[in-house]
Amino acid sequence: TSARRHDDDQVTVTAHIDPPGEPQQDVQAEAWIRVLEEGRSLEWG
């Protein structure tokens, strides 16, 4: 539902999930994304 870049390669994402046996919920997670202009690639994790 959202993605926000901060601190260079760091990204905070929010997702709306519906886990089995649990109520629907929004969860936040941290990830990283590197944009490699040369070679037109992105790496993430």
All heavy atoms as atom14 arrays in JSON, in Angstrom:
{
  "sequence": "TSARRHDDDQVTVTAHIDPPGEPQQDVQAEAWIRVLEEGRSLEWG",
  "atom14_mask": [
    [1, 1, 1, 1, 1, 1, 1, 0, 0, 0, 0, 0, 0, 0],
    [1, 1, 1, 1, 1, 1, 0, 0, 0, 0, 0, 0, 0, 0],
    [1, 1, 1, 1, 1, 0, 0, 0, 0, 0, 0, 0, 0, 0],
    [1, 1, 1, 1, 1, 1, 1, 1, 1, 1, 1, 0, 0, 0],
    [1, 1, 1, 1, 1, 1, 1, 1, 1, 1, 1, 0, 0, 0],
    [1, 1, 1, 1, 1, 1, 1, 1, 1, 1, 0, 0, 0, 0],
    [1, 1, 1, 1, 1, 1, 1, 1, 0, 0, 0, 0, 0, 0],
    [1, 1, 1, 1, 1, 1, 1, 1, 0, 0, 0, 0, 0, 0],
    [1, 1, 1, 1, 1, 1, 1, 1, 0, 0, 0, 0, 0, 0],
    [1, 1, 1, 1, 1, 1, 1, 1, 1, 0, 0, 0, 0, 0],
    [1, 1, 1, 1, 1, 1, 1, 0, 0, 0, 0, 0, 0, 0],
    [1, 1, 1, 1, 1, 1, 1, 0, 0, 0, 0, 0, 0, 0],
    [1, 1, 1, 1, 1, 1, 1, 0, 0, 0, 0, 0, 0, 0],
    [1, 1, 1, 1, 1, 1, 1, 0, 0, 0, 0, 0, 0, 0],
    [1, 1, 1, 1, 1, 0, 0, 0, 0, 0, 0, 0, 0, 0],
    [1, 1, 1, 1, 1, 1, 1, 1, 1, 1, 0, 0, 0, 0],
    [1, 1, 1, 1, 1, 1, 1, 1, 0, 0, 0, 0, 0, 0],
    [1, 1, 1, 1, 1, 1, 1, 1, 0, 0, 0, 0, 0, 0],
    [1, 1, 1, 1, 1, 1, 1, 0, 0, 0, 0, 0, 0, 0],
    [1, 1, 1, 1, 1, 1, 1, 0, 0, 0, 0, 0, 0, 0],
    [1, 1, 1, 1, 0, 0, 0, 0, 0, 0, 0, 0, 0, 0],
    [1, 1, 1, 1, 1, 1, 1, 1, 1, 0, 0, 0, 0, 0],
    [1, 1, 1, 1, 1, 1, 1, 0, 0, 0, 0, 0, 0, 0],
    [1, 1, 1, 1, 1, 1, 1, 1, 1, 0, 0, 0, 0, 0],
    [1, 1, 1, 1, 1, 1, 1, 1, 1, 0, 0, 0, 0, 0],
    [1, 1, 1, 1, 1, 1, 1, 1, 0, 0, 0, 0, 0, 0],
    [1, 1, 1, 1, 1, 1, 1, 0, 0, 0, 0, 0, 0, 0],
    [1, 1, 1, 1, 1, 1, 1, 1, 1, 0, 0, 0, 0, 0],
    [1, 1, 1, 1, 1, 0, 0, 0, 0, 0, 0, 0, 0, 0],
    [1, 1, 1, 1, 1, 1, 1, 1, 1, 0, 0, 0, 0, 0],
    [1, 1, 1, 1, 1, 0, 0, 0, 0, 0, 0, 0, 0, 0],
    [1, 1, 1, 1, 1, 1, 1, 1, 1, 1, 1, 1, 1, 1],
    [1, 1, 1, 1, 1, 1, 1, 1, 0, 0, 0, 0, 0, 0],
    [1, 1, 1, 1, 1, 1, 1, 1, 1, 1, 1, 0, 0, 0],
    [1, 1, 1, 1, 1, 1, 1, 0, 0, 0, 0, 0, 0, 0],
    [1, 1, 1, 1, 1, 1, 1, 1, 0, 0, 0, 0, 0, 0],
    [1, 1, 1, 1, 1, 1, 1, 1, 1, 0, 0, 0, 0, 0],
    [1, 1, 1, 1, 1, 1, 1, 1, 1, 0, 0, 0, 0, 0],
    [1, 1, 1, 1, 0, 0, 0, 0, 0, 0, 0, 0, 0, 0],
    [1, 1, 1, 1, 1, 1, 1, 1, 1, 1, 1, 0, 0, 0],
    [1, 1, 1, 1, 1, 1, 0, 0, 0, 0, 0, 0, 0, 0],
    [1, 1, 1, 1, 1, 1, 1, 1, 0, 0, 0, 0, 0, 0],
    [1, 1, 1, 1, 1, 1, 1, 1, 1, 0, 0, 0, 0, 0],
    [1, 1, 1, 1, 1, 1, 1, 1, 1, 1, 1, 1, 1, 1],
    [1, 1, 1, 1, 0, 0, 0, 0, 0, 0, 0, 0, 0, 0]
  ],
  "atom14_positions": [
    [[0.81, -1.21, 0.0], [0.0, 0.0, 0.0], [0.85, 1.27, 0.0], [0.36, 2.32, -0.35], [-0.95, 0.01, 1.21], [-0.18, -0.09, 2.41], [-1.95, -1.14, 1.12], [0.0, 0.0, 0.0], [0.0, 0.0, 0.0], [0.0, 0.0, 0.0], [0.0, 0.0, 0.0], [0.0, 0.0, 0.0], [0.0, 0.0, 0.0], [0.0, 0.0, 0.0]],
    [[2.12, 1.15, 0.39], [3.02, 2.31, 0.32], [4.46, 1.85, 0.31], [4.79, 0.76, 0.8], [2.78, 3.28, 1.48], [3.24, 2.74, 2.69], [0.0, 0.0, 0.0], [0.0, 0.0, 0.0], [0.0, 0.0, 0.0], [0.0, 0.0, 0.0], [0.0, 0.0, 0.0], [0.0, 0.0, 0.0], [0.0, 0.0, 0.0], [0.0, 0.0, 0.0]],
    [[5.3, 2.71, -0.26], [6.76, 2.48, -0.27], [7.41, 3.85, -0.19], [7.06, 4.76, -0.93], [7.17, 1.75, -1.53], [0.0, 0.0, 0.0], [0.0, 0.0, 0.0], [0.0, 0.0, 0.0], [0.0, 0.0, 0.0], [0.0, 0.0, 0.0], [0.0, 0.0, 0.0], [0.0, 0.0, 0.0], [0.0, 0.0, 0.0], [0.0, 0.0, 0.0]],
    [[8.35, 3.98, 0.75], [9.0, 5.27, 0.97], [10.5, 5.06, 1.11], [10.97, 4.32, 1.96], [8.44, 5.92, 2.23], [8.97, 7.3, 2.53], [8.31, 7.91, 3.75], [8.21, 7.0, 4.89], [9.17, 6.83, 5.79], [10.31, 7.48, 5.7], [8.99, 6.01, 6.81], [0.0, 0.0, 0.0], [0.0, 0.0, 0.0], [0.0, 0.0, 0.0]],
    [[11.26, 5.73, 0.24], [12.72, 5.65, 0.3], [13.24, 6.62, 1.35], [12.72, 7.72, 1.5], [13.33, 6.01, -1.06], [14.85, 5.9, -1.08], [15.43, 6.34, -2.4], [15.12, 5.46, -3.5], [15.79, 4.36, -3.8], [16.82, 3.99, -3.07], [15.45, 3.62, -4.83], [0.0, 0.0, 0.0], [0.0, 0.0, 0.0], [0.0, 0.0, 0.0]],
    [[14.26, 6.2, 2.07], [14.95, 7.05, 3.03], [16.35, 6.48, 3.25], [16.62, 5.33, 2.93], [14.18, 7.13, 4.36], [13.91, 5.8, 4.99], [14.76, 5.21, 5.88], [12.88, 4.93, 4.83], [14.27, 4.03, 6.24], [13.14, 3.84, 5.62], [0.0, 0.0, 0.0], [0.0, 0.0, 0.0], [0.0, 0.0, 0.0], [0.0, 0.0, 0.0]],
    [[17.24, 7.29, 3.75], [18.6, 6.83, 4.06], [19.23, 6.05, 2.91], [19.5, 4.86, 3.03], [18.61, 5.98, 5.34], [18.1, 6.73, 6.55], [18.27, 7.96, 6.58], [17.53, 6.09, 7.44], [0.0, 0.0, 0.0], [0.0, 0.0, 0.0], [0.0, 0.0, 0.0], [0.0, 0.0, 0.0], [0.0, 0.0, 0.0], [0.0, 0.0, 0.0]],
    [[19.43, 6.7, 1.79], [20.07, 6.1, 0.61], [19.27, 4.95, 0.04], [18.26, 5.16, -0.59], [21.51, 5.68, 0.91], [22.4, 6.86, 1.25], [22.25, 7.91, 0.59], [23.22, 6.74, 2.17], [0.0, 0.0, 0.0], [0.0, 0.0, 0.0], [0.0, 0.0, 0.0], [0.0, 0.0, 0.0], [0.0, 0.0, 0.0], [0.0, 0.0, 0.0]],
    [[19.7, 3.71, 0.28], [19.08, 2.54, -0.32], [17.93, 1.96, 0.5], [17.3, 1.0, 0.08], [20.11, 1.42, -0.52], [21.21, 1.82, -1.5], [20.99, 2.74, -2.3], [22.28, 1.19, -1.45], [0.0, 0.0, 0.0], [0.0, 0.0, 0.0], [0.0, 0.0, 0.0], [0.0, 0.0, 0.0], [0.0, 0.0, 0.0], [0.0, 0.0, 0.0]],
    [[17.69, 2.5, 1.68], [16.68, 1.93, 2.57], [15.26, 2.34, 2.15], [15.03, 3.48, 1.74], [16.93, 2.36, 4.01], [18.28, 1.93, 4.54], [18.48, 0.42, 4.46], [17.69, -0.33, 4.99], [19.52, -0.01, 3.78], [0.0, 0.0, 0.0], [0.0, 0.0, 0.0], [0.0, 0.0, 0.0], [0.0, 0.0, 0.0], [0.0, 0.0, 0.0]],
    [[14.34, 1.38, 2.28], [12.95, 1.6, 1.91], [12.05, 1.03, 3.0], [12.3, -0.08, 3.49], [12.63, 0.91, 0.56], [11.16, 1.08, 0.2], [13.52, 1.42, -0.54], [0.0, 0.0, 0.0], [0.0, 0.0, 0.0], [0.0, 0.0, 0.0], [0.0, 0.0, 0.0], [0.0, 0.0, 0.0], [0.0, 0.0, 0.0], [0.0, 0.0, 0.0]],
    [[11.03, 1.78, 3.37], [10.01, 1.28, 4.28], [8.77, 0.99, 3.45], [8.31, 1.86, 2.7], [9.66, 2.3, 5.37], [10.85, 2.59, 6.12], [8.59, 1.78, 6.3], [0.0, 0.0, 0.0], [0.0, 0.0, 0.0], [0.0, 0.0, 0.0], [0.0, 0.0, 0.0], [0.0, 0.0, 0.0], [0.0, 0.0, 0.0], [0.0, 0.0, 0.0]],
    [[8.27, -0.24, 3.54], [7.07, -0.62, 2.81], [5.96, -0.99, 3.78], [6.22, -1.49, 4.87], [7.33, -1.79, 1.83], [8.29, -1.38, 0.74], [7.83, -3.02, 2.56], [0.0, 0.0, 0.0], [0.0, 0.0, 0.0], [0.0, 0.0, 0.0], [0.0, 0.0, 0.0], [0.0, 0.0, 0.0], [0.0, 0.0, 0.0], [0.0, 0.0, 0.0]],
    [[4.74, -0.74, 3.37], [3.56, -1.15, 4.13], [2.72, -2.03, 3.22], [2.52, -1.72, 2.04], [2.74, 0.07, 4.58], [3.58, 0.94, 5.33], [1.55, -0.35, 5.43], [0.0, 0.0, 0.0], [0.0, 0.0, 0.0], [0.0, 0.0, 0.0], [0.0, 0.0, 0.0], [0.0, 0.0, 0.0], [0.0, 0.0, 0.0], [0.0, 0.0, 0.0]],
    [[2.25, -3.14, 3.78], [1.42, -4.08, 3.01], [0.16, -4.41, 3.81], [0.17, -4.44, 5.04], [2.2, -5.36, 2.73], [0.0, 0.0, 0.0], [0.0, 0.0, 0.0], [0.0, 0.0, 0.0], [0.0, 0.0, 0.0], [0.0, 0.0, 0.0], [0.0, 0.0, 0.0], [0.0, 0.0, 0.0], [0.0, 0.0, 0.0], [0.0, 0.0, 0.0]],
    [[-0.92, -4.65, 3.09], [-2.17, -5.1, 3.7], [-2.24, -6.61, 3.47], [-2.26, -7.07, 2.34], [-3.36, -4.4, 3.05], [-4.65, -4.71, 3.74], [-4.99, -4.14, 4.94], [-5.66, -5.54, 3.42], [-6.17, -4.6, 5.32], [-6.59, -5.46, 4.42], [0.0, 0.0, 0.0], [0.0, 0.0, 0.0], [0.0, 0.0, 0.0], [0.0, 0.0, 0.0]],
    [[-2.23, -7.37, 4.57], [-2.2, -8.83, 4.45], [-3.43, -9.44, 5.11], [-4.09, -8.83, 5.95], [-0.91, -9.42, 5.06], [-0.82, -9.11, 6.55], [0.32, -8.9, 4.31], [0.3, -9.86, 7.26], [0.0, 0.0, 0.0], [0.0, 0.0, 0.0], [0.0, 0.0, 0.0], [0.0, 0.0, 0.0], [0.0, 0.0, 0.0], [0.0, 0.0, 0.0]],
    [[-3.71, -10.66, 4.7], [-4.85, -11.42, 5.22], [-4.35, -12.82, 5.6], [-4.6, -13.8, 4.9], [-5.93, -11.5, 4.14], [-7.23, -12.09, 4.65], [-7.36, -12.3, 5.87], [-8.11, -12.35, 3.81], [0.0, 0.0, 0.0], [0.0, 0.0, 0.0], [0.0, 0.0, 0.0], [0.0, 0.0, 0.0], [0.0, 0.0, 0.0], [0.0, 0.0, 0.0]],
    [[-3.63, -12.92, 6.74], [-3.05, -14.22, 7.11], [-4.13, -15.22, 7.52], [-5.13, -14.83, 8.14], [-2.13, -13.89, 8.29], [-2.5, -12.53, 8.74], [-3.29, -11.87, 7.67], [0.0, 0.0, 0.0], [0.0, 0.0, 0.0], [0.0, 0.0, 0.0], [0.0, 0.0, 0.0], [0.0, 0.0, 0.0], [0.0, 0.0, 0.0], [0.0, 0.0, 0.0]],
    [[-3.95, -16.49, 7.17], [-4.94, -17.5, 7.54], [-5.16, -17.55, 9.05], [-4.2, -17.56, 9.82], [-4.32, -18.81, 7.04], [-3.25, -18.42, 6.09], [-2.81, -17.04, 6.47], [0.0, 0.0, 0.0], [0.0, 0.0, 0.0], [0.0, 0.0, 0.0], [0.0, 0.0, 0.0], [0.0, 0.0, 0.0], [0.0, 0.0, 0.0], [0.0, 0.0, 0.0]],
    [[-6.42, -17.54, 9.45], [-6.74, -17.65, 10.87], [-6.52, -16.4, 11.68], [-6.65, -16.42, 12.9], [0.0, 0.0, 0.0], [0.0, 0.0, 0.0], [0.0, 0.0, 0.0], [0.0, 0.0, 0.0], [0.0, 0.0, 0.0], [0.0, 0.0, 0.0], [0.0, 0.0, 0.0], [0.0, 0.0, 0.0], [0.0, 0.0, 0.0], [0.0, 0.0, 0.0]],
    [[-6.16, -15.31, 11.02], [-5.93, -14.05, 11.72], [-6.69, -12.93, 10.99], [-7.03, -13.08, 9.82], [-4.44, -13.7, 11.72], [-3.56, -14.68, 12.47], [-2.1, -14.25, 12.44], [-1.83, -13.04, 12.53], [-1.23, -15.14, 12.32], [0.0, 0.0, 0.0], [0.0, 0.0, 0.0], [0.0, 0.0, 0.0], [0.0, 0.0, 0.0], [0.0, 0.0, 0.0]],
    [[-6.94, -11.83, 11.69], [-7.62, -10.72, 11.01], [-6.7, -10.04, 9.99], [-5.48, -10.11, 10.1], [-7.95, -9.75, 12.16], [-7.03, -10.12, 13.27], [-6.67, -11.57, 13.1], [0.0, 0.0, 0.0], [0.0, 0.0, 0.0], [0.0, 0.0, 0.0], [0.0, 0.0, 0.0], [0.0, 0.0, 0.0], [0.0, 0.0, 0.0], [0.0, 0.0, 0.0]],
    [[-7.32, -9.39, 9.01], [-6.55, -8.6, 8.05], [-5.8, -7.53, 8.82], [-6.27, -7.04, 9.84], [-7.48, -7.94, 7.04], [-8.15, -8.91, 6.11], [-8.98, -8.19, 5.05], [-8.87, -6.98, 4.86], [-9.8, -8.95, 4.36], [0.0, 0.0, 0.0], [0.0, 0.0, 0.0], [0.0, 0.0, 0.0], [0.0, 0.0, 0.0], [0.0, 0.0, 0.0]],
    [[-4.62, -7.19, 8.31], [-3.82, -6.2, 9.01], [-2.83, -5.53, 8.07], [-2.51, -6.06, 7.01], [-3.07, -6.86, 10.16], [-2.23, -8.05, 9.73], [-1.74, -8.86, 10.9], [-0.85, -8.4, 11.61], [-2.3, -10.05, 11.11], [0.0, 0.0, 0.0], [0.0, 0.0, 0.0], [0.0, 0.0, 0.0], [0.0, 0.0, 0.0], [0.0, 0.0, 0.0]],
    [[-2.37, -4.37, 8.49], [-1.3, -3.67, 7.78], [-0.01, -3.94, 8.52], [0.04, -3.88, 9.75], [-1.56, -2.17, 7.73], [-2.71, -1.81, 6.8], [-2.95, -2.57, 5.84], [-3.37, -0.79, 7.03], [0.0, 0.0, 0.0], [0.0, 0.0, 0.0], [0.0, 0.0, 0.0], [0.0, 0.0, 0.0], [0.0, 0.0, 0.0], [0.0, 0.0, 0.0]],
    [[1.04, -4.27, 7.77], [2.35, -4.52, 8.37], [3.38, -3.66, 7.66], [3.27, -3.39, 6.48], [2.75, -6.02, 8.3], [1.82, -6.87, 9.13], [2.77, -6.52, 6.86], [0.0, 0.0, 0.0], [0.0, 0.0, 0.0], [0.0, 0.0, 0.0], [0.0, 0.0, 0.0], [0.0, 0.0, 0.0], [0.0, 0.0, 0.0], [0.0, 0.0, 0.0]],
    [[4.38, -3.24, 8.41], [5.49, -2.46, 7.86], [6.75, -3.3, 7.9], [6.93, -4.12, 8.8], [5.73, -1.2, 8.66], [5.06, 0.0, 8.1], [5.57, 1.29, 8.72], [6.29, 1.3, 9.71], [5.17, 2.39, 8.13], [0.0, 0.0, 0.0], [0.0, 0.0, 0.0], [0.0, 0.0, 0.0], [0.0, 0.0, 0.0], [0.0, 0.0, 0.0]],
    [[7.61, -3.08, 6.91], [8.89, -3.79, 6.87], [9.94, -2.86, 6.27], [9.62, -1.91, 5.55], [8.77, -5.06, 6.04], [0.0, 0.0, 0.0], [0.0, 0.0, 0.0], [0.0, 0.0, 0.0], [0.0, 0.0, 0.0], [0.0, 0.0, 0.0], [0.0, 0.0, 0.0], [0.0, 0.0, 0.0], [0.0, 0.0, 0.0], [0.0, 0.0, 0.0]],
    [[11.17, -3.18, 6.59], [12.3, -2.45, 6.03], [12.95, -3.33, 4.96], [13.03, -4.55, 5.09], [13.33, -2.13, 7.11], [12.8, -1.21, 8.19], [12.38, 0.15, 7.66], [13.12, 0.75, 6.85], [11.3, 0.63, 8.07], [0.0, 0.0, 0.0], [0.0, 0.0, 0.0], [0.0, 0.0, 0.0], [0.0, 0.0, 0.0], [0.0, 0.0, 0.0]],
    [[13.4, -2.69, 3.9], [14.08, -3.39, 2.8], [15.14, -2.43, 2.25], [15.28, -1.31, 2.72], [13.08, -3.79, 1.72], [0.0, 0.0, 0.0], [0.0, 0.0, 0.0], [0.0, 0.0, 0.0], [0.0, 0.0, 0.0], [0.0, 0.0, 0.0], [0.0, 0.0, 0.0], [0.0, 0.0, 0.0], [0.0, 0.0, 0.0], [0.0, 0.0, 0.0]],
    [[15.85, -2.89, 1.26], [16.8, -2.02, 0.56], [16.65, -2.23, -0.94], [16.28, -3.32, -1.39], [18.24, -2.25, 1.0], [18.71, -3.68, 0.87], [18.65, -4.65, 1.83], [19.3, -4.31, -0.28], [19.16, -5.84, 1.35], [19.57, -5.65, 0.06], [19.63, -3.87, -1.56], [20.14, -6.55, -0.83], [20.2, -4.77, -2.45], [20.45, -6.08, -2.08]],
    [[16.86, -1.16, -1.68], [16.83, -1.22, -3.14], [17.98, -0.38, -3.66], [18.14, 0.78, -3.27], [15.5, -0.68, -3.72], [14.34, -1.57, -3.29], [15.58, -0.57, -5.24], [12.98, -1.09, -3.77], [0.0, 0.0, 0.0], [0.0, 0.0, 0.0], [0.0, 0.0, 0.0], [0.0, 0.0, 0.0], [0.0, 0.0, 0.0], [0.0, 0.0, 0.0]],
    [[18.79, -0.97, -4.52], [19.89, -0.25, -5.18], [19.55, -0.12, -6.66], [19.29, -1.1, -7.33], [21.2, -1.02, -5.05], [21.74, -1.01, -3.67], [23.12, -1.66, -3.62], [23.39, -2.02, -2.24], [23.41, -3.25, -1.77], [23.26, -4.28, -2.57], [23.64, -3.47, -0.5], [0.0, 0.0, 0.0], [0.0, 0.0, 0.0], [0.0, 0.0, 0.0]],
    [[19.58, 1.11, -7.14], [19.34, 1.38, -8.55], [20.7, 1.48, -9.23], [21.53, 2.31, -8.85], [18.55, 2.69, -8.72], [18.37, 3.02, -10.19], [17.2, 2.6, -8.01], [0.0, 0.0, 0.0], [0.0, 0.0, 0.0], [0.0, 0.0, 0.0], [0.0, 0.0, 0.0], [0.0, 0.0, 0.0], [0.0, 0.0, 0.0], [0.0, 0.0, 0.0]],
    [[20.94, 0.62, -10.19], [22.2, 0.6, -10.93], [21.93, 1.13, -12.33], [21.53, 0.38, -13.23], [22.76, -0.83, -10.98], [22.87, -1.53, -9.61], [23.19, -3.0, -9.78], [23.91, -0.83, -8.76], [0.0, 0.0, 0.0], [0.0, 0.0, 0.0], [0.0, 0.0, 0.0], [0.0, 0.0, 0.0], [0.0, 0.0, 0.0], [0.0, 0.0, 0.0]],
    [[22.09, 2.46, -12.48], [21.78, 3.11, -13.75], [22.52, 2.45, -14.91], [21.93, 2.14, -15.94], [22.14, 4.6, -13.69], [21.35, 5.38, -12.67], [19.92, 5.68, -13.09], [19.61, 5.61, -14.3], [19.11, 5.98, -12.2], [0.0, 0.0, 0.0], [0.0, 0.0, 0.0], [0.0, 0.0, 0.0], [0.0, 0.0, 0.0], [0.0, 0.0, 0.0]],
    [[23.83, 2.25, -14.72], [24.61, 1.58, -15.77], [24.21, 0.11, -15.78], [24.28, -0.57, -14.77], [26.1, 1.72, -15.5], [26.94, 1.27, -16.67], [28.39, 1.63, -16.48], [28.68, 2.7, -15.94], [29.22, 0.8, -16.87], [0.0, 0.0, 0.0], [0.0, 0.0, 0.0], [0.0, 0.0, 0.0], [0.0, 0.0, 0.0], [0.0, 0.0, 0.0]],
    [[23.74, -0.35, -16.89], [23.27, -1.72, -16.98], [21.79, -1.87, -16.72], [21.23, -2.95, -16.81], [0.0, 0.0, 0.0], [0.0, 0.0, 0.0], [0.0, 0.0, 0.0], [0.0, 0.0, 0.0], [0.0, 0.0, 0.0], [0.0, 0.0, 0.0], [0.0, 0.0, 0.0], [0.0, 0.0, 0.0], [0.0, 0.0, 0.0], [0.0, 0.0, 0.0]],
    [[21.1, -0.75, -16.39], [19.66, -0.75, -16.14], [19.21, -1.93, -15.27], [18.4, -2.76, -15.66], [18.88, -0.77, -17.45], [18.98, 0.51, -18.23], [18.04, 0.51, -19.42], [18.13, 1.74, -20.14], [18.22, 1.82, -21.47], [18.22, 0.73, -22.19], [18.3, 2.98, -22.04], [0.0, 0.0, 0.0], [0.0, 0.0, 0.0], [0.0, 0.0, 0.0]],
    [[19.75, -1.97, -14.06], [19.41, -3.04, -13.12], [19.0, -2.45, -11.78], [19.39, -1.35, -11.43], [20.61, -3.97, -12.9], [20.95, -4.63, -14.09], [0.0, 0.0, 0.0], [0.0, 0.0, 0.0], [0.0, 0.0, 0.0], [0.0, 0.0, 0.0], [0.0, 0.0, 0.0], [0.0, 0.0, 0.0], [0.0, 0.0, 0.0], [0.0, 0.0, 0.0]],
    [[18.23, -3.22, -11.04], [17.91, -2.92, -9.65], [18.2, -4.17, -8.85], [17.94, -5.29, -9.31], [16.42, -2.57, -9.49], [16.01, -1.17, -9.93], [15.29, -1.27, -11.25], [15.1, -0.58, -8.9], [0.0, 0.0, 0.0], [0.0, 0.0, 0.0], [0.0, 0.0, 0.0], [0.0, 0.0, 0.0], [0.0, 0.0, 0.0], [0.0, 0.0, 0.0]],
    [[18.72, -3.96, -7.65], [18.92, -5.07, -6.71], [18.12, -4.73, -5.46], [18.01, -3.56, -5.1], [20.4, -5.2, -6.35], [21.26, -5.57, -7.54], [22.74, -5.59, -7.19], [23.16, -4.92, -6.22], [23.48, -6.26, -7.92], [0.0, 0.0, 0.0], [0.0, 0.0, 0.0], [0.0, 0.0, 0.0], [0.0, 0.0, 0.0], [0.0, 0.0, 0.0]],
    [[17.56, -5.73, -4.81], [16.78, -5.49, -3.61], [16.93, -6.65, -2.65], [17.37, -7.74, -3.01], [15.31, -5.27, -3.94], [14.61, -6.53, -4.35], [13.97, -7.42, -3.53], [14.51, -7.08, -5.66], [13.47, -8.48, -4.26], [13.8, -8.29, -5.57], [14.96, -6.66, -6.91], [13.53, -9.08, -6.67], [14.68, -7.46, -8.0], [13.98, -8.64, -7.88]],
    [[16.51, -6.4, -1.43], [16.52, -7.44, -0.42], [15.81, -6.98, 0.83], [15.5, -5.8, 0.99], [0.0, 0.0, 0.0], [0.0, 0.0, 0.0], [0.0, 0.0, 0.0], [0.0, 0.0, 0.0], [0.0, 0.0, 0.0], [0.0, 0.0, 0.0], [0.0, 0.0, 0.0], [0.0, 0.0, 0.0], [0.0, 0.0, 0.0], [0.0, 0.0, 0.0]]
  ]
}
